[in-house]
C-alpha atoms as a PDB file:
ATOM      1  CA  MET A   1       5.785 -64.246 -62.644  1.00  0.00           C
ATOM      2  CA  LYS A   2       3.112 -66.810 -61.825  1.00  0.00           C
ATOM      3  CA  SER A   3      -0.147 -66.699 -63.751  1.00  0.00           C
ATOM      4  CA  GLN A   4      -2.132 -65.965 -60.585  1.00  0.00           C
ATOM      5  CA  ASP A   5       0.168 -62.956 -59.893  1.00  0.00           C
ATOM      6  CA  PHE A   6      -0.670 -61.562 -63.321  1.00  0.00           C
ATOM      7  CA  GLN A   7      -4.396 -62.059 -62.772  1.00  0.00           C
ATOM      8  CA  ALA A   8      -4.298 -60.440 -59.326  1.00  0.00           C
ATOM      9  CA  ASP A   9      -2.961 -57.148 -60.732  1.00  0.00           C
ATOM     10  CA  ARG A  10      -5.163 -56.008 -63.607  1.00  0.00           C
ATOM     11  CA  ARG A  11      -3.274 -52.770 -64.270  1.00  0.00           C
ATOM     12  CA  LEU A  12      -2.434 -52.110 -67.885  1.00  0.00           C
ATOM     13  CA  SER A  13       0.573 -49.898 -67.206  1.00  0.00           C
ATOM     14  CA  PHE A  14       3.202 -49.518 -64.494  1.00  0.00           C
ATOM     15  CA  ARG A  15       2.340 -47.183 -61.627  1.00  0.00           C
ATOM     16  CA  HIS A  16       4.920 -44.673 -60.413  1.00  0.00           C
ATOM     17  CA  THR A  17       4.871 -43.378 -56.847  1.00  0.00           C
ATOM     18  CA  LEU A  18       4.924 -39.671 -57.655  1.00  0.00           C
ATOM     19  CA  GLN A  19       3.441 -36.664 -55.914  1.00  0.00           C
ATOM     20  CA  ILE A  20       2.183 -34.505 -58.774  1.00  0.00           C
ATOM     21  CA  PRO A  21       0.023 -31.410 -58.144  1.00  0.00           C
ATOM     22  CA  LEU A  22      -3.277 -31.621 -59.990  1.00  0.00           C
ATOM     23  CA  GLN A  23      -6.701 -30.092 -60.347  1.00  0.00           C
ATOM     24  CA  VAL A  24      -9.774 -32.315 -60.175  1.00  0.00           C
ATOM     25  CA  ARG A  25     -13.439 -31.688 -60.787  1.00  0.00           C
ATOM     26  CA  ILE A  26     -16.591 -33.620 -61.521  1.00  0.00           C
ATOM     27  CA  TRP A  27     -17.117 -33.383 -65.270  1.00  0.00           C
ATOM     28  CA  LYS A  28     -19.847 -31.036 -66.523  1.00  0.00           C
ATOM     29  CA  THR A  29     -20.778 -29.649 -63.124  1.00  0.00           C
ATOM     30  CA  LYS A  30     -20.572 -26.190 -61.617  1.00  0.00           C
ATOM     31  CA  ILE A  31     -18.615 -27.563 -58.655  1.00  0.00           C
ATOM     32  CA  PRO A  32     -15.248 -25.762 -58.672  1.00  0.00           C
ATOM     33  CA  ALA A  33     -12.074 -27.718 -59.328  1.00  0.00           C
ATOM     34  CA  GLN A  34     -10.145 -28.855 -56.270  1.00  0.00           C
ATOM     35  CA  ARG A  35      -6.412 -29.069 -55.890  1.00  0.00           C
ATOM     36  CA  ALA A  36      -4.942 -32.432 -54.988  1.00  0.00           C
ATOM     37  CA  VAL A  37      -1.646 -34.304 -55.130  1.00  0.00           C
ATOM     38  CA  SER A  38      -1.236 -37.728 -56.687  1.00  0.00           C
ATOM     39  CA  GLU A  39      -0.141 -40.748 -54.686  1.00  0.00           C
ATOM     40  CA  ASN A  40       0.747 -42.711 -57.776  1.00  0.00           C
ATOM     41  CA  VAL A  41       0.244 -42.255 -61.479  1.00  0.00           C
ATOM     42  CA  SER A  42       0.580 -44.073 -64.776  1.00  0.00           C
ATOM     43  CA  THR A  43      -0.320 -43.267 -68.349  1.00  0.00           C
ATOM     44  CA  SER A  44      -3.651 -45.050 -67.794  1.00  0.00           C
ATOM     45  CA  GLY A  45      -4.754 -43.770 -64.381  1.00  0.00           C
ATOM     46  CA  ILE A  46      -4.090 -41.970 -61.137  1.00  0.00           C
ATOM     47  CA  LEU A  47      -4.624 -42.347 -57.375  1.00  0.00           C
ATOM     48  CA  PHE A  48      -5.066 -39.258 -55.184  1.00  0.00           C
ATOM     49  CA  THR A  49      -6.752 -38.113 -51.975  1.00  0.00           C
ATOM     50  CA  THR A  50      -9.545 -35.536 -51.984  1.00  0.00           C
ATOM     51  CA  SER A  51     -12.553 -34.289 -50.026  1.00  0.00           C
ATOM     52  CA  LEU A  52     -14.582 -34.300 -53.253  1.00  0.00           C
ATOM     53  CA  ALA A  53     -17.544 -36.655 -52.757  1.00  0.00           C
ATOM     54  CA  VAL A  54     -17.627 -39.128 -55.643  1.00  0.00           C
ATOM     55  CA  ALA A  55     -18.863 -42.648 -56.285  1.00  0.00           C
ATOM     56  CA  ILE A  56     -17.498 -45.428 -58.463  1.00  0.00           C
ATOM     57  CA  GLY A  57     -18.355 -44.620 -62.071  1.00  0.00           C
ATOM     58  CA  THR A  58     -18.313 -40.820 -61.619  1.00  0.00           C
ATOM     59  CA  VAL A  59     -16.580 -39.059 -64.519  1.00  0.00           C
ATOM     60  CA  LEU A  60     -13.827 -36.683 -63.432  1.00  0.00           C
ATOM     61  CA  GLU A  61     -11.583 -34.257 -65.233  1.00  0.00           C
ATOM     62  CA  VAL A  62      -7.962 -34.198 -64.038  1.00  0.00           C
ATOM     63  CA  VAL A  63      -5.396 -31.607 -65.105  1.00  0.00           C
ATOM     64  CA  MET A  64      -1.729 -32.199 -64.316  1.00  0.00           C
ATOM     65  CA  LYS A  65       1.772 -31.792 -65.647  1.00  0.00           C
ATOM     66  CA  MET A  66       2.765 -35.324 -66.671  1.00  0.00           C
ATOM     67  CA  PRO A  67       6.470 -35.920 -65.922  1.00  0.00           C
ATOM     68  CA  GLU A  68       8.987 -36.971 -68.537  1.00  0.00           C
ATOM     69  CA  GLN A  69       9.716 -40.256 -66.761  1.00  0.00           C
ATOM     70  CA  LEU A  70       6.213 -41.487 -67.653  1.00  0.00           C
ATOM     71  CA  THR A  71       5.898 -40.243 -71.220  1.00  0.00           C
ATOM     72  CA  GLY A  72       9.492 -40.244 -72.473  1.00  0.00           C
ATOM     73  CA  GLU A  73       9.042 -36.629 -73.594  1.00  0.00           C
ATOM     74  CA  SER A  74       9.514 -33.305 -71.811  1.00  0.00           C
ATOM     75  CA  ALA A  75       6.888 -32.625 -69.141  1.00  0.00           C
ATOM     76  CA  SER A  76       3.572 -31.555 -70.606  1.00  0.00           C
ATOM     77  CA  LEU A  77       0.155 -30.532 -69.377  1.00  0.00           C
ATOM     78  CA  TRP A  78      -2.374 -33.377 -69.590  1.00  0.00           C
ATOM     79  CA  ARG A  79      -6.098 -32.721 -69.390  1.00  0.00           C
ATOM     80  CA  CYS A  80      -7.678 -36.123 -68.773  1.00  0.00           C
ATOM     81  CA  SER A  81     -11.180 -37.411 -68.336  1.00  0.00           C
ATOM     82  CA  GLY A  82     -11.718 -40.694 -66.618  1.00  0.00           C
ATOM     83  CA  HIS A  83     -14.054 -42.647 -64.433  1.00  0.00           C
ATOM     84  CA  VAL A  84     -13.676 -43.451 -60.760  1.00  0.00           C
ATOM     85  CA  VAL A  85     -12.794 -47.116 -60.237  1.00  0.00           C
ATOM     86  CA  ARG A  86     -11.909 -46.985 -56.525  1.00  0.00           C
ATOM     87  CA  VAL A  87     -13.107 -45.007 -53.505  1.00  0.00           C
ATOM     88  CA  GLN A  88     -11.509 -45.744 -50.135  1.00  0.00           C
ATOM     89  CA  ALA A  89     -11.820 -43.769 -46.900  1.00  0.00           C
ATOM     90  CA  ASP A  90      -8.516 -42.186 -45.869  1.00  0.00           C
ATOM     91  CA  ALA A  91      -7.730 -43.469 -42.370  1.00  0.00           C
ATOM     92  CA  ASN A  92      -5.407 -40.498 -41.758  1.00  0.00           C
ATOM     93  CA  ALA A  93      -7.826 -37.751 -42.780  1.00  0.00           C
ATOM     94  CA  PRO A  94     -11.513 -37.680 -41.873  1.00  0.00           C
ATOM     95  CA  ARG A  95     -13.880 -36.618 -44.674  1.00  0.00           C
ATOM     96  CA  ARG A  96     -11.291 -37.440 -47.317  1.00  0.00           C
ATOM     97  CA  SER A  97     -11.107 -40.385 -49.684  1.00  0.00           C
ATOM     98  CA  ARG A  98      -8.451 -42.033 -51.783  1.00  0.00           C
ATOM     99  CA  ILE A  99      -9.778 -41.980 -55.340  1.00  0.00           C
ATOM    100  CA  GLY A 100      -8.570 -44.189 -58.186  1.00  0.00           C
ATOM    101  CA  VAL A 101      -9.356 -42.930 -61.679  1.00  0.00           C
ATOM    102  CA  GLN A 102      -8.905 -44.837 -64.931  1.00  0.00           C
ATOM    103  CA  PHE A 103      -8.314 -42.413 -67.799  1.00  0.00           C
ATOM    104  CA  ASP A 104     -10.745 -42.683 -70.696  1.00  0.00           C
ATOM    105  CA  CYS A 105      -9.230 -39.971 -72.859  1.00  0.00           C
ATOM    106  CA  TYR A 106      -6.810 -37.078 -72.672  1.00  0.00           C
ATOM    107  CA  GLU A 107      -5.485 -34.064 -74.493  1.00  0.00           C
ATOM    108  CA  ILE A 108      -1.923 -32.821 -74.262  1.00  0.00           C
ATOM    109  CA  ALA A 109      -0.797 -29.187 -74.301  1.00  0.00           C
ATOM    110  CA  ARG A 110       2.919 -28.984 -74.980  1.00  0.00           C
ATOM    111  CA  GLU A 111       3.231 -25.214 -74.541  1.00  0.00           C
ATOM    112  CA  GLU A 112       3.776 -23.527 -71.179  1.00  0.00           C
ATOM    113  CA  ALA A 113       1.094 -20.949 -72.048  1.00  0.00           C
ATOM    114  CA  ALA A 114      -1.489 -23.751 -71.862  1.00  0.00           C
ATOM    115  CA  LEU A 115      -0.900 -23.961 -68.111  1.00  0.00           C
ATOM    116  CA  THR A 116      -2.986 -20.814 -67.669  1.00  0.00           C
ATOM    117  CA  LEU A 117      -5.998 -22.202 -69.541  1.00  0.00           C
ATOM    118  CA  PRO A 118      -9.091 -22.926 -67.423  1.00  0.00           C
ATOM    119  CA  ILE A 119     -10.375 -26.468 -67.157  1.00  0.00           C
ATOM    120  CA  SER A 120     -12.697 -27.036 -70.105  1.00  0.00           C
ATOM    121  CA  ASP A 121     -16.369 -27.984 -70.026  1.00  0.00           C
ATOM    122  CA  SER A 122     -15.833 -30.447 -72.845  1.00  0.00           C
ATOM    123  CA  LEU A 123     -13.050 -32.718 -73.957  1.00  0.00           C
ATOM    124  CA  ALA A 124     -14.390 -33.013 -77.478  1.00  0.00           C
ATOM    125  CA  THR A 125     -10.857 -32.844 -78.864  1.00  0.00           C
ATOM    126  CA  CYS A 126      -9.378 -35.424 -76.509  1.00  0.00           C
ATOM    127  CA  TRP A 127      -7.580 -38.525 -77.712  1.00  0.00           C
ATOM    128  CA  PRO A 128      -8.983 -41.863 -76.560  1.00  0.00           C
ATOM    129  CA  ARG A 129      -6.529 -43.762 -74.402  1.00  0.00           C
ATOM    130  CA  SER A 130      -5.316 -46.817 -76.277  1.00  0.00           C
END
């Protein structure tokens, strides 16, 4: 790999092209969560398409079942908070945008019962992403 190739891609972890169902909402708002599907995902961020109107820097909460191929452990529910780092109009769908989110912190629920929990108003117990 050439040094300029490394500098051109600033990602900290490998992205996997996976379509994972998720719920997304703007953190600490009354706006209901929206369902979406990821385009690609890593342990440090996610790219998905949504009609949710957001700007770069907006803090989002994303809930998804992280697959074993990313974590090395059985699939588990991740509740992540992160900030929007990319907003791009979706050429194939008017009024929708491709949103890139860099995770700031997350909490992991390893029990299936946690899948029924509502999205929280606070991630006070989340683990900072290292």
